[in-house]
Amino acid sequence: MRKSGLILGAALVALLASFSLPTIRAPEMITAAKTLAEHEKLAAHYEREAKAARAKAEEHKKMADAYRKAGGPLIEKLHFDQHCDALVKSYTSMADELEALAKAEREAAKETKK
């Protein structure tokens, strides 16, 4: 029992660390962005993040549709579809903001040419 708890704990720590990797890199990239290439690299990072957010939004849209199709009293009581709809809205908003950051970094890259 204790061994499985340790393994589970280690797996949880590894999972949490993997979620925090992009946020650890971004501040370093922002601080270092002084050249055209560095601003372009940061813009590409934001575009990748936006693409991932749009994929998550699409995944939750499909999940909401599946919950609605499945129906039933438990699904209606717990509003699973509404939770998914809220996540679609959140991920879509996140993607929009990330795309705006990418656009701004591309503008900053143009300014560094001068």
Protein backbone atom coordinates (compact mmCIF):
# COMPACT_ATOMS: atom_id res chain seq x y z
CA MET A 1 0.00 0.00 0.00
CA ARG A 2 2.77 2.42 0.94
CA LYS A 3 4.74 1.67 -2.23
CA SER A 4 1.74 2.39 -4.47
CA GLY A 5 1.18 5.67 -2.59
CA LEU A 6 4.77 6.71 -3.26
CA ILE A 7 4.46 5.82 -6.92
CA LEU A 8 1.20 7.72 -7.19
CA GLY A 9 2.74 10.73 -5.43
CA ALA A 10 5.75 10.72 -7.75
CA ALA A 11 3.49 10.48 -10.77
CA LEU A 12 1.43 13.41 -9.50
CA VAL A 13 4.55 15.54 -8.97
CA ALA A 14 5.76 14.70 -12.49
CA LEU A 15 2.37 15.58 -13.95
CA LEU A 16 2.22 18.91 -12.12
CA ALA A 17 5.77 19.72 -13.22
CA SER A 18 4.88 19.03 -16.84
CA PHE A 19 1.97 21.49 -16.62
CA SER A 20 4.22 24.21 -15.28
CA LEU A 21 6.96 23.89 -17.92
CA PRO A 22 5.49 26.34 -20.46
CA THR A 23 4.97 29.01 -17.79
CA ILE A 24 8.54 28.61 -16.57
CA ARG A 25 9.92 29.13 -20.09
CA ALA A 26 7.75 32.09 -21.09
CA PRO A 27 9.04 34.56 -18.47
CA GLU A 28 12.62 33.72 -19.42
CA MET A 29 11.77 34.16 -23.11
CA ILE A 30 10.05 37.49 -22.41
CA THR A 31 13.04 38.81 -20.48
CA ALA A 32 15.45 37.66 -23.19
CA ALA A 33 13.41 38.98 -26.15
CA LYS A 34 15.58 41.75 -27.53
CA THR A 35 16.22 40.62 -31.09
CA LEU A 36 14.02 39.89 -34.08
CA ALA A 37 14.62 36.15 -33.71
CA GLU A 38 13.79 36.17 -30.00
CA HIS A 39 10.50 38.03 -30.57
CA GLU A 40 9.64 35.61 -33.40
CA LYS A 41 10.41 32.66 -31.13
CA LEU A 42 8.09 34.06 -28.47
CA ALA A 43 5.37 34.69 -31.06
CA ALA A 44 5.67 31.08 -32.23
CA HIS A 45 5.40 29.93 -28.60
CA TYR A 46 2.16 31.90 -28.17
CA GLU A 47 0.80 30.51 -31.44
CA ARG A 48 1.48 26.93 -30.29
CA GLU A 49 -0.25 27.65 -27.00
CA ALA A 50 -3.22 29.19 -28.85
CA LYS A 51 -3.48 26.13 -31.09
CA ALA A 52 -3.48 23.85 -28.04
CA ALA A 53 -6.19 25.98 -26.38
CA ARG A 54 -8.35 25.81 -29.52
CA ALA A 55 -7.93 22.02 -29.56
CA LYS A 56 -9.06 21.84 -25.93
CA ALA A 57 -12.06 24.05 -26.76
CA GLU A 58 -13.01 21.71 -29.60
CA GLU A 59 -12.58 18.67 -27.35
CA HIS A 60 -14.93 20.16 -24.74
CA LYS A 61 -17.43 21.16 -27.41
CA LYS A 62 -17.60 17.51 -28.49
CA MET A 63 -17.91 16.42 -24.86
CA ALA A 64 -20.82 18.84 -24.30
CA ASP A 65 -22.54 17.47 -27.39
CA ALA A 66 -21.97 13.91 -26.16
CA TYR A 67 -23.46 14.73 -22.75
CA ARG A 68 -26.49 16.32 -24.40
CA LYS A 69 -26.92 13.29 -26.63
CA ALA A 70 -26.55 10.87 -23.71
CA GLY A 71 -29.05 12.80 -21.61
CA GLY A 72 -30.52 11.30 -18.49
CA PRO A 73 -31.43 12.61 -15.06
CA LEU A 74 -27.91 12.54 -13.61
CA ILE A 75 -26.46 14.51 -16.52
CA GLU A 76 -29.33 17.01 -16.28
CA LYS A 77 -28.89 17.31 -12.51
CA LEU A 78 -25.11 17.81 -12.61
CA HIS A 79 -25.08 19.98 -15.77
CA PHE A 80 -22.03 18.32 -17.31
CA ASP A 81 -22.80 19.93 -20.65
CA GLN A 82 -22.83 23.40 -19.10
CA HIS A 83 -19.44 22.79 -17.49
CA CYS A 84 -18.07 21.83 -20.89
CA ASP A 85 -19.68 24.91 -22.48
CA ALA A 86 -17.96 27.11 -19.89
CA LEU A 87 -14.62 25.46 -20.67
CA VAL A 88 -15.18 25.99 -24.41
CA LYS A 89 -15.71 29.68 -23.73
CA SER A 90 -12.66 29.87 -21.46
CA TYR A 91 -10.31 28.02 -23.82
CA THR A 92 -11.56 30.05 -26.79
CA SER A 93 -10.93 33.29 -24.89
CA MET A 94 -7.47 32.04 -23.91
CA ALA A 95 -6.68 31.21 -27.53
CA ASP A 96 -7.83 34.67 -28.64
CA GLU A 97 -5.58 36.32 -26.04
CA LEU A 98 -2.61 34.15 -26.98
CA GLU A 99 -3.09 35.00 -30.65
CA ALA A 100 -3.16 38.69 -29.71
CA LEU A 101 0.12 38.23 -27.82
CA ALA A 102 1.64 36.48 -30.83
CA LYS A 103 0.54 39.36 -33.06
CA ALA A 104 2.03 41.89 -30.63
CA GLU A 105 5.32 39.98 -30.54
CA ARG A 106 5.43 39.98 -34.35
CA GLU A 107 4.95 43.76 -34.20
CA ALA A 108 7.76 43.99 -31.66
CA ALA A 109 9.92 41.91 -33.98
CA LYS A 110 9.30 44.40 -36.80
CA GLU A 111 10.26 47.26 -34.49
CA THR A 112 13.58 45.60 -33.63
CA LYS A 113 14.53 45.69 -37.32
CA LYS A 114 14.66 49.48 -37.19
